[in-house]
Amino acid sequence: MTVDRHPGAGPLATIAVDVASSDRHLEQIVELQRRNLRDRVAADEQATHGFVFAEHTVPLLRTMAAALPQVIATSGGVVVGYNLAMSVALRDTMPQLVPMFDEFDRTVYRGRPLSTYEFVVGGQVCVDRAFRGRGLLGRLYRETVDRAPRGVELCVTEIAARNAVSLKAHRRAGFEVISSYHDGAELWCIAVWDRRSPPPGG
């Protein structure tokens, strides 16, 4: 677990980054996710505040947590950010993510098919509005990668091309956009964080 102190809306807020360890944590992940779903964020706010796409349930999060640690940020005991790590073995558990996994199968990274690497999927990352702009997304991903099995080489995710806030934050955290595709509704960017490369700033 890592702990840091940051100025919140009022007094200094202690932010702890750790792993979800209870159903209450999972329920709070779902609550934060619902507030930031694409269909619930006004169209004129999506460009400035970002959004998330896939909707999870507590039972599904339990399944994901049994395979890989699900990293959360908490302040005052409340989940204010999360990064959902997904094993490739769970590719068929969410129908809306099947196109993403199919595209991963077609993607090449540094001259090799992505499928020949050991990787975890950044299934979704979200930070509460009051805690954005403090590098928390990068901290969540670093904790996810640090807790990944030793043989994992990459963290791979996709970001909606029009979600400029998220794209910028992912690049700042160390992700490289390596390809893009259109699923008929959205243009998506596939991004990779190479665990073998030094993090931004050394």
Protein backbone atom coordinates (compact mmCIF):
# COMPACT_ATOMS: atom_id res chain seq x y z
CA MET A 1 0.00 0.00 0.00
CA THR A 2 1.18 3.54 -0.75
CA VAL A 3 -0.12 6.58 1.12
CA ASP A 4 0.17 10.23 0.17
CA ARG A 5 -1.38 13.48 1.28
CA HIS A 6 -2.95 15.86 -1.20
CA PRO A 7 -5.04 19.02 -0.88
CA GLY A 8 -8.68 18.17 -1.45
CA ALA A 9 -11.61 20.50 -1.78
CA GLY A 10 -11.02 21.44 1.84
CA PRO A 11 -8.34 20.21 4.25
CA LEU A 12 -5.47 17.96 3.22
CA ALA A 13 -6.79 14.56 2.20
CA THR A 14 -4.90 11.34 2.79
CA ILE A 15 -5.04 9.09 -0.26
CA ALA A 16 -4.14 5.43 0.15
CA VAL A 17 -3.52 3.20 -2.86
CA ASP A 18 -4.10 -0.47 -2.15
CA VAL A 19 -6.07 -3.50 -3.32
CA ALA A 20 -9.83 -3.94 -3.02
CA SER A 21 -10.32 -6.42 -0.19
CA SER A 22 -14.05 -6.38 0.61
CA ASP A 23 -17.44 -6.33 -1.06
CA ARG A 24 -17.84 -2.77 0.22
CA HIS A 25 -14.81 -1.76 -1.85
CA LEU A 26 -16.33 -3.46 -4.89
CA GLU A 27 -19.68 -1.76 -4.30
CA GLN A 28 -17.97 1.62 -4.11
CA ILE A 29 -16.12 0.89 -7.36
CA VAL A 30 -19.49 0.26 -9.01
CA GLU A 31 -20.91 3.47 -7.50
CA LEU A 32 -18.00 5.57 -8.79
CA GLN A 33 -18.21 3.86 -12.17
CA ARG A 34 -21.93 4.58 -12.54
CA ARG A 35 -21.39 8.29 -11.91
CA ASN A 36 -18.88 8.40 -14.75
CA LEU A 37 -20.46 6.13 -17.37
CA ARG A 38 -20.53 7.56 -20.89
CA ASP A 39 -24.34 7.58 -20.90
CA ARG A 40 -24.47 9.50 -17.61
CA VAL A 41 -21.91 12.20 -18.37
CA ALA A 42 -23.39 15.07 -20.38
CA ALA A 43 -22.04 15.24 -23.93
CA ASP A 44 -20.65 18.74 -23.37
CA GLU A 45 -18.77 17.53 -20.28
CA GLN A 46 -17.20 14.41 -21.77
CA ALA A 47 -14.37 16.32 -23.45
CA THR A 48 -13.33 18.03 -20.22
CA HIS A 49 -14.17 15.39 -17.62
CA GLY A 50 -13.78 12.13 -19.54
CA PHE A 51 -15.97 9.06 -19.15
CA VAL A 52 -15.92 5.28 -18.79
CA PHE A 53 -17.59 2.80 -21.10
CA ALA A 54 -18.01 -0.72 -19.69
CA GLU A 55 -20.35 -1.37 -16.75
CA HIS A 56 -19.36 -3.98 -14.16
CA THR A 57 -21.22 -5.76 -11.39
CA VAL A 58 -20.02 -6.79 -7.95
CA PRO A 59 -20.09 -10.54 -8.86
CA LEU A 60 -18.00 -9.84 -11.97
CA LEU A 61 -15.53 -7.77 -9.95
CA ARG A 62 -15.23 -10.67 -7.52
CA THR A 63 -14.31 -12.95 -10.43
CA MET A 64 -11.76 -10.44 -11.69
CA ALA A 65 -10.30 -9.99 -8.20
CA ALA A 66 -9.84 -13.76 -7.88
CA ALA A 67 -7.57 -13.64 -10.94
CA LEU A 68 -5.70 -10.34 -10.43
CA PRO A 69 -5.53 -7.63 -7.74
CA GLN A 70 -8.01 -4.79 -8.31
CA VAL A 71 -6.29 -1.57 -7.26
CA ILE A 72 -8.17 1.24 -5.53
CA ALA A 73 -7.45 4.67 -4.12
CA THR A 74 -9.29 5.60 -0.95
CA SER A 75 -9.68 8.80 1.04
CA GLY A 76 -11.46 8.75 4.37
CA GLY A 77 -12.37 5.12 3.77
CA VAL A 78 -14.17 5.92 0.50
CA VAL A 79 -13.04 4.69 -2.91
CA VAL A 80 -12.04 7.75 -4.97
CA GLY A 81 -10.28 5.92 -7.78
CA TYR A 82 -9.75 2.47 -9.18
CA ASN A 83 -7.95 0.52 -11.86
CA LEU A 84 -9.55 -2.76 -12.89
CA ALA A 85 -7.05 -5.38 -14.02
CA MET A 86 -8.39 -8.09 -16.28
CA SER A 87 -6.85 -11.43 -17.15
CA VAL A 88 -6.91 -12.40 -20.83
CA ALA A 89 -8.53 -15.64 -19.65
CA LEU A 90 -11.67 -13.61 -18.81
CA ARG A 91 -12.07 -12.19 -22.31
CA ASP A 92 -15.55 -13.68 -22.78
CA THR A 93 -17.04 -12.50 -19.48
CA MET A 94 -18.07 -9.07 -20.82
CA PRO A 95 -19.63 -9.11 -24.31
CA GLN A 96 -18.98 -5.38 -24.81
CA LEU A 97 -15.23 -5.99 -24.46
CA VAL A 98 -14.99 -8.86 -26.95
CA PRO A 99 -14.20 -6.46 -29.85
CA MET A 100 -11.31 -5.08 -27.79
CA PHE A 101 -9.84 -8.53 -27.19
CA ASP A 102 -10.34 -9.45 -30.85
CA GLU A 103 -8.41 -6.34 -31.84
CA PHE A 104 -5.63 -7.20 -29.40
CA ASP A 105 -5.27 -10.48 -31.33
CA ARG A 106 -4.66 -8.48 -34.52
CA THR A 107 -2.30 -5.90 -33.01
CA VAL A 108 1.48 -5.89 -33.42
CA TYR A 109 3.83 -4.33 -30.87
CA ARG A 110 7.52 -3.87 -31.65
CA GLY A 111 7.41 -6.33 -34.52
CA ARG A 112 5.62 -9.09 -32.63
CA PRO A 113 1.93 -9.99 -32.32
CA LEU A 114 0.61 -8.64 -29.06
CA SER A 115 -0.69 -12.13 -28.30
CA THR A 116 2.90 -13.41 -28.00
CA TYR A 117 3.52 -11.19 -24.94
CA GLU A 118 2.46 -11.87 -21.39
CA PHE A 119 0.15 -9.00 -20.50
CA VAL A 120 -2.61 -7.87 -18.21
CA VAL A 121 -5.47 -5.75 -19.46
CA GLY A 122 -6.23 -2.39 -17.92
CA GLY A 123 -9.95 -3.12 -17.88
CA GLN A 124 -10.96 0.37 -16.75
CA VAL A 125 -9.51 3.23 -14.75
CA CYS A 126 -11.48 6.03 -13.09
CA VAL A 127 -10.72 8.83 -10.63
CA ASP A 128 -13.35 10.87 -8.82
CA ARG A 129 -13.58 14.41 -10.17
CA ALA A 130 -12.48 15.97 -6.88
CA PHE A 131 -9.21 14.01 -6.98
CA ARG A 132 -8.19 14.47 -10.61
CA GLY A 133 -5.12 16.32 -11.82
CA ARG A 134 -2.82 14.88 -9.15
CA GLY A 135 -1.25 11.97 -11.01
CA LEU A 136 -3.52 9.44 -9.33
CA LEU A 137 -4.16 7.53 -12.56
CA GLY A 138 -0.43 6.87 -12.86
CA ARG A 139 -0.24 5.73 -9.24
CA LEU A 140 -3.11 3.31 -9.77
CA TYR A 141 -1.46 1.81 -12.85
CA ARG A 142 1.94 1.58 -11.17
CA GLU A 143 0.39 -0.34 -8.27
CA THR A 144 -1.39 -2.63 -10.75
CA VAL A 145 1.83 -3.35 -12.65
CA ASP A 146 3.84 -3.79 -9.44
CA ARG A 147 1.34 -6.39 -8.24
CA ALA A 148 1.11 -8.24 -11.56
CA PRO A 149 2.69 -11.72 -11.78
CA ARG A 150 6.43 -11.61 -12.40
CA GLY A 151 6.22 -12.86 -15.99
CA VAL A 152 3.87 -10.10 -17.13
CA GLU A 153 5.61 -7.81 -19.65
CA LEU A 154 2.90 -5.34 -20.60
CA CYS A 155 -0.24 -3.63 -19.42
CA VAL A 156 -2.57 -3.09 -22.38
CA THR A 157 -5.72 -1.01 -22.54
CA GLU A 158 -7.96 0.87 -24.93
CA ILE A 159 -9.13 4.48 -24.72
CA ALA A 160 -11.82 6.19 -26.77
CA ALA A 161 -10.05 8.51 -29.21
CA ARG A 162 -12.39 11.37 -28.33
CA ASN A 163 -11.68 10.96 -24.61
CA ALA A 164 -8.85 13.49 -24.76
CA VAL A 165 -8.60 13.81 -20.97
CA SER A 166 -7.99 10.08 -20.55
CA LEU A 167 -5.58 9.87 -23.50
CA LYS A 168 -3.48 12.69 -22.07
CA ALA A 169 -3.45 11.13 -18.60
CA HIS A 170 -2.44 7.72 -19.98
CA ARG A 171 0.41 9.19 -22.01
CA ARG A 172 1.60 11.13 -18.97
CA ALA A 173 1.54 7.89 -16.95
CA GLY A 174 3.80 6.19 -19.51
CA PHE A 175 1.45 4.55 -22.00
CA GLU A 176 2.25 4.47 -25.73
CA VAL A 177 -0.59 4.42 -28.28
CA ILE A 178 0.32 1.68 -30.76
CA SER A 179 -2.79 1.35 -32.96
CA SER A 180 -6.45 2.25 -33.33
CA TYR A 181 -9.65 0.68 -34.62
CA HIS A 182 -13.34 1.50 -35.03
CA ASP A 183 -15.97 -0.80 -33.55
CA GLY A 184 -18.86 0.77 -35.44
CA ALA A 185 -19.67 3.23 -32.66
CA GLU A 186 -16.36 4.59 -31.35
CA LEU A 187 -12.79 5.03 -32.55
CA TRP A 188 -10.53 3.35 -29.99
CA CYS A 189 -6.81 3.75 -29.32
CA ILE A 190 -4.87 0.71 -28.11
CA ALA A 191 -2.19 1.73 -25.62
CA VAL A 192 0.65 -0.21 -23.99
CA TRP A 193 2.68 0.30 -20.84
CA ASP A 194 5.86 -1.74 -21.21
CA ARG A 195 6.81 -3.01 -17.78
CA ARG A 196 10.39 -3.49 -18.97
CA SER A 197 10.82 0.23 -19.66
CA PRO A 198 11.62 2.74 -16.90
CA PRO A 199 8.62 4.74 -15.67
CA PRO A 200 8.31 8.44 -16.59
CA GLY A 201 10.88 10.46 -14.71
CA GLY A 202 13.13 7.42 -14.19
